[in-house]
N, C-alpha and C. Protein backbone atom coordinates (compact mmCIF):
# COMPACT_ATOMS: atom_id res chain seq x y z
N MET A 1 -24.45 -10.26 100.77
CA MET A 1 -25.11 -9.48 102.17
C MET A 1 -24.51 -8.22 102.61
N THR A 2 -24.85 -7.28 102.54
CA THR A 2 -24.17 -5.99 102.82
C THR A 2 -24.99 -5.54 104.18
N SER A 3 -24.33 -4.60 104.75
CA SER A 3 -24.85 -3.80 106.13
C SER A 3 -24.92 -2.57 106.08
N PHE A 4 -25.76 -1.65 106.33
CA PHE A 4 -25.71 -0.18 106.47
C PHE A 4 -25.39 0.14 107.99
N GLU A 5 -24.48 0.66 108.26
CA GLU A 5 -24.12 1.24 110.06
C GLU A 5 -24.84 2.38 110.15
N GLY A 6 -25.54 2.53 111.43
CA GLY A 6 -25.71 3.66 111.89
C GLY A 6 -24.19 4.75 111.85
N THR A 7 -24.34 5.96 112.23
CA THR A 7 -23.44 6.83 112.52
C THR A 7 -23.33 7.59 114.04
N GLY A 8 -22.37 7.67 114.45
CA GLY A 8 -22.39 8.44 115.78
C GLY A 8 -20.66 8.92 116.21
N PRO A 9 -20.64 8.85 117.25
CA PRO A 9 -19.25 9.42 118.05
C PRO A 9 -18.26 8.31 117.27
N ALA A 10 -17.05 8.52 117.37
CA ALA A 10 -16.15 7.44 116.84
C ALA A 10 -15.55 6.48 118.34
N SER A 11 -16.23 7.18 119.59
CA SER A 11 -16.22 6.30 120.86
C SER A 11 -17.42 5.29 121.13
N SER A 12 -18.42 5.62 120.56
CA SER A 12 -19.62 4.72 120.47
C SER A 12 -19.72 3.15 119.99
N THR A 13 -20.35 2.68 120.27
CA THR A 13 -20.36 1.18 119.53
C THR A 13 -21.77 1.36 118.06
N VAL A 14 -21.33 0.98 117.40
CA VAL A 14 -22.07 1.08 115.97
C VAL A 14 -22.70 -0.04 115.75
N THR A 15 -24.04 -0.46 115.70
CA THR A 15 -24.83 -1.61 115.33
C THR A 15 -25.62 -1.35 113.90
N PRO A 16 -25.08 -2.92 113.45
CA PRO A 16 -26.06 -2.78 111.57
C PRO A 16 -27.41 -1.98 111.81
N VAL A 17 -27.96 -1.73 110.97
CA VAL A 17 -29.11 -0.96 110.91
C VAL A 17 -30.00 -1.60 109.92
N TRP A 18 -29.50 -1.65 108.63
CA TRP A 18 -30.28 -2.11 107.55
C TRP A 18 -29.29 -3.66 106.72
N THR A 19 -29.74 -4.47 106.45
CA THR A 19 -29.04 -5.65 105.59
C THR A 19 -30.08 -5.36 104.13
N ILE A 20 -28.77 -5.61 103.16
CA ILE A 20 -29.34 -5.88 101.98
C ILE A 20 -29.18 -7.05 101.35
N GLU A 21 -30.15 -7.80 100.82
CA GLU A 21 -30.20 -8.98 99.84
C GLU A 21 -30.51 -9.24 98.81
N THR A 22 -30.53 -10.03 98.07
CA THR A 22 -31.12 -9.98 96.51
C THR A 22 -32.08 -11.00 97.07
N LEU A 23 -33.03 -11.21 95.88
CA LEU A 23 -34.07 -11.95 96.30
C LEU A 23 -34.22 -13.15 96.39
N SER A 24 -33.19 -13.81 96.08
CA SER A 24 -33.17 -15.29 96.04
C SER A 24 -32.81 -15.45 97.30
N LEU A 25 -32.66 -14.79 97.94
CA LEU A 25 -31.83 -15.14 99.44
C LEU A 25 -33.10 -14.91 100.38
N GLN A 26 -34.05 -14.34 99.93
CA GLN A 26 -35.00 -13.74 100.79
C GLN A 26 -36.21 -14.12 100.44
N PRO A 27 -36.86 -15.38 101.07
CA PRO A 27 -38.11 -15.88 100.58
C PRO A 27 -39.07 -15.01 101.61
N GLY A 28 -40.07 -14.86 101.45
CA GLY A 28 -41.23 -14.10 102.37
C GLY A 28 -41.34 -12.67 101.83
N ARG A 29 -41.17 -12.48 100.48
CA ARG A 29 -41.51 -11.11 99.72
C ARG A 29 -43.09 -10.90 99.81
N GLU A 30 -43.83 -12.12 100.05
CA GLU A 30 -45.32 -12.14 99.75
C GLU A 30 -45.48 -11.47 100.80
N LYS A 31 -45.28 -11.02 101.85
CA LYS A 31 -45.82 -10.72 103.34
C LYS A 31 -45.58 -8.88 103.09
N PHE A 32 -44.50 -8.72 101.99
CA PHE A 32 -44.42 -7.08 102.02
C PHE A 32 -45.96 -6.36 101.68
N ASP A 33 -45.98 -5.39 102.49
CA ASP A 33 -47.07 -4.58 102.12
C ASP A 33 -46.88 -3.14 102.54
N CYS A 34 -46.98 -2.43 101.80
CA CYS A 34 -46.71 -0.98 101.52
C CYS A 34 -47.91 -0.26 101.43
N GLY A 35 -49.13 -0.76 100.97
CA GLY A 35 -50.05 0.04 101.11
C GLY A 35 -50.36 0.22 100.06
N GLN A 36 -49.54 -0.11 98.57
CA GLN A 36 -50.05 0.11 97.49
C GLN A 36 -50.27 -1.33 96.61
N ALA A 37 -50.82 -1.58 96.27
CA ALA A 37 -51.32 -3.15 95.45
C ALA A 37 -50.63 -3.35 94.45
N GLU A 38 -50.30 -1.87 93.37
CA GLU A 38 -49.52 -2.44 92.41
C GLU A 38 -47.97 -2.81 92.62
N MET A 39 -47.58 -2.02 93.68
CA MET A 39 -46.20 -2.14 93.96
C MET A 39 -45.76 -3.36 94.78
N ASN A 40 -46.90 -3.86 95.44
CA ASN A 40 -47.10 -5.44 96.04
C ASN A 40 -47.19 -6.51 95.52
N GLU A 41 -47.82 -6.23 94.59
CA GLU A 41 -48.18 -7.41 93.70
C GLU A 41 -46.67 -7.68 92.87
N TRP A 42 -46.17 -6.38 92.29
CA TRP A 42 -44.82 -6.70 91.50
C TRP A 42 -43.54 -7.32 92.10
N LEU A 43 -43.77 -7.01 93.56
CA LEU A 43 -42.42 -7.57 94.24
C LEU A 43 -42.85 -9.13 94.57
N SER A 44 -44.11 -9.62 94.64
CA SER A 44 -44.19 -10.88 95.04
C SER A 44 -44.27 -11.92 93.74
N ARG A 45 -44.75 -10.90 92.41
CA ARG A 45 -44.87 -11.83 91.60
C ARG A 45 -44.23 -11.72 90.34
N TYR A 46 -43.50 -10.72 90.11
CA TYR A 46 -42.92 -10.57 89.07
C TYR A 46 -41.34 -10.33 89.72
N ALA A 47 -41.24 -9.44 90.24
CA ALA A 47 -39.52 -9.03 90.77
C ALA A 47 -38.66 -10.26 90.54
N ARG A 48 -38.66 -11.37 90.77
CA ARG A 48 -37.58 -12.31 90.77
C ARG A 48 -37.60 -12.89 88.93
N ARG A 49 -38.33 -12.85 88.51
CA ARG A 49 -38.33 -13.04 87.42
C ARG A 49 -37.88 -12.09 86.43
N SER A 50 -38.10 -10.80 86.46
CA SER A 50 -37.57 -9.35 86.30
C SER A 50 -36.03 -9.75 86.09
N ASP A 51 -35.50 -9.96 87.48
CA ASP A 51 -34.26 -9.97 87.73
C ASP A 51 -33.53 -10.90 87.28
N LYS A 52 -34.45 -12.29 87.19
CA LYS A 52 -33.60 -13.50 86.27
C LYS A 52 -33.61 -13.07 84.88
N ASN A 53 -34.27 -12.39 84.26
CA ASN A 53 -34.19 -11.86 82.80
C ASN A 53 -33.44 -11.00 82.60
N GLY A 54 -32.69 -10.51 83.39
CA GLY A 54 -31.56 -9.09 83.19
C GLY A 54 -32.51 -8.02 83.04
N GLN A 55 -33.87 -7.77 83.41
CA GLN A 55 -34.71 -6.94 82.97
C GLN A 55 -34.35 -5.42 84.28
N THR A 56 -34.17 -6.14 85.44
CA THR A 56 -34.07 -5.13 86.52
C THR A 56 -33.05 -5.63 87.58
N LEU A 57 -32.55 -5.21 88.27
CA LEU A 57 -31.90 -5.29 89.31
C LEU A 57 -32.31 -5.10 90.87
N THR A 58 -33.21 -5.79 91.70
CA THR A 58 -33.80 -5.86 92.57
C THR A 58 -33.42 -6.16 94.05
N ARG A 59 -33.40 -5.36 95.04
CA ARG A 59 -32.48 -5.52 96.15
C ARG A 59 -33.37 -5.47 97.49
N LEU A 60 -33.85 -5.91 98.50
CA LEU A 60 -34.44 -5.81 99.58
C LEU A 60 -33.53 -5.61 100.89
N ALA A 61 -33.99 -4.45 101.16
CA ALA A 61 -33.29 -3.72 102.54
C ALA A 61 -34.08 -4.19 103.59
N LEU A 62 -33.52 -5.04 104.61
CA LEU A 62 -34.00 -5.69 105.64
C LEU A 62 -33.26 -4.70 107.07
N HIS A 63 -34.60 -4.62 108.14
CA HIS A 63 -34.58 -4.02 109.50
C HIS A 63 -34.03 -4.98 110.51
N PRO A 64 -33.07 -5.76 111.09
CA PRO A 64 -33.15 -6.62 111.85
C PRO A 64 -33.73 -6.11 112.84
N ASP A 65 -34.02 -5.07 113.62
CA ASP A 65 -34.71 -4.92 115.08
C ASP A 65 -36.20 -5.29 114.82
N ASP A 66 -36.90 -4.44 113.88
CA ASP A 66 -38.26 -4.50 113.77
C ASP A 66 -38.86 -4.99 112.66
N GLY A 67 -37.99 -5.48 111.81
CA GLY A 67 -38.72 -6.27 110.61
C GLY A 67 -39.14 -5.61 109.63
N ARG A 68 -39.05 -4.37 109.16
CA ARG A 68 -39.31 -3.59 108.28
C ARG A 68 -38.89 -4.21 107.03
N ILE A 69 -39.46 -3.70 105.82
CA ILE A 69 -38.48 -4.45 104.86
C ILE A 69 -38.89 -3.31 103.63
N VAL A 70 -37.51 -2.82 102.97
CA VAL A 70 -37.97 -2.27 101.82
C VAL A 70 -37.35 -2.69 100.48
N TYR A 71 -37.87 -2.48 99.40
CA TYR A 71 -37.54 -2.81 98.18
C TYR A 71 -37.20 -1.78 96.88
N TYR A 72 -36.04 -1.91 96.34
CA TYR A 72 -35.40 -1.04 95.10
C TYR A 72 -35.53 -2.31 93.84
N ALA A 73 -35.63 -1.33 93.03
CA ALA A 73 -35.52 -1.65 91.78
C ALA A 73 -34.68 -0.93 90.59
N MET A 74 -33.71 -1.56 90.18
CA MET A 74 -33.28 -0.53 89.17
C MET A 74 -33.06 -1.11 87.66
N LYS A 75 -33.44 -0.32 86.73
CA LYS A 75 -33.42 -0.44 85.20
C LYS A 75 -32.71 0.31 84.59
N SER A 76 -31.69 -0.38 83.51
CA SER A 76 -31.19 0.32 82.57
C SER A 76 -32.07 0.19 81.22
N SER A 77 -31.87 1.66 80.62
CA SER A 77 -32.61 1.68 79.41
C SER A 77 -31.48 2.05 78.32
N GLU A 78 -32.01 1.93 77.16
CA GLU A 78 -30.88 2.29 75.63
C GLU A 78 -31.98 2.84 74.87
N LEU A 79 -31.60 3.60 74.35
CA LEU A 79 -32.24 4.68 73.43
C LEU A 79 -31.05 4.53 71.88
N ARG A 80 -31.69 4.62 70.79
CA ARG A 80 -31.25 4.74 69.70
C ARG A 80 -31.30 5.29 68.74
N GLY A 81 -30.64 6.28 68.18
CA GLY A 81 -30.63 7.50 67.54
C GLY A 81 -31.83 7.41 66.60
N ASP A 82 -31.79 5.88 65.76
CA ASP A 82 -32.97 5.45 64.56
C ASP A 82 -34.09 5.60 65.27
N ASP A 83 -34.58 5.07 66.46
CA ASP A 83 -35.50 4.80 67.11
C ASP A 83 -36.29 6.43 67.79
N LEU A 84 -35.53 7.20 67.99
CA LEU A 84 -35.71 8.45 68.16
C LEU A 84 -36.24 9.21 67.12
N GLN A 85 -35.48 9.07 66.20
CA GLN A 85 -36.19 9.87 64.73
C GLN A 85 -37.31 9.25 64.29
N SER A 86 -38.10 7.77 64.49
CA SER A 86 -38.85 7.61 64.19
C SER A 86 -40.20 7.88 64.71
N ALA A 87 -39.48 8.05 66.31
CA ALA A 87 -40.21 8.28 67.30
C ALA A 87 -41.16 9.91 67.10
N PHE A 88 -40.21 10.45 66.75
CA PHE A 88 -40.41 12.46 66.45
C PHE A 88 -40.64 12.63 64.95
N ALA A 89 -40.88 11.64 63.99
CA ALA A 89 -41.15 11.96 62.74
C ALA A 89 -42.33 12.08 62.44
């Protein structure tokens, strides 16, 4: 678990704003609703499997004060030279 902290003058008290968690630590992703059905469905139905299979790295950012949930997913890809040659032939 990682916390991002707000910034301010050195003399002020800084409190955590967002907490980053893996999917395995956070049940309740089915409650996520960003207003885009495809994104909601991907997170609730496919994200965990995609992470487990090594296809993506997905994290949830949780706001402790108001319950907001944000997710992001990263995927690496590989292109081989012979694949490119056949694609553009």
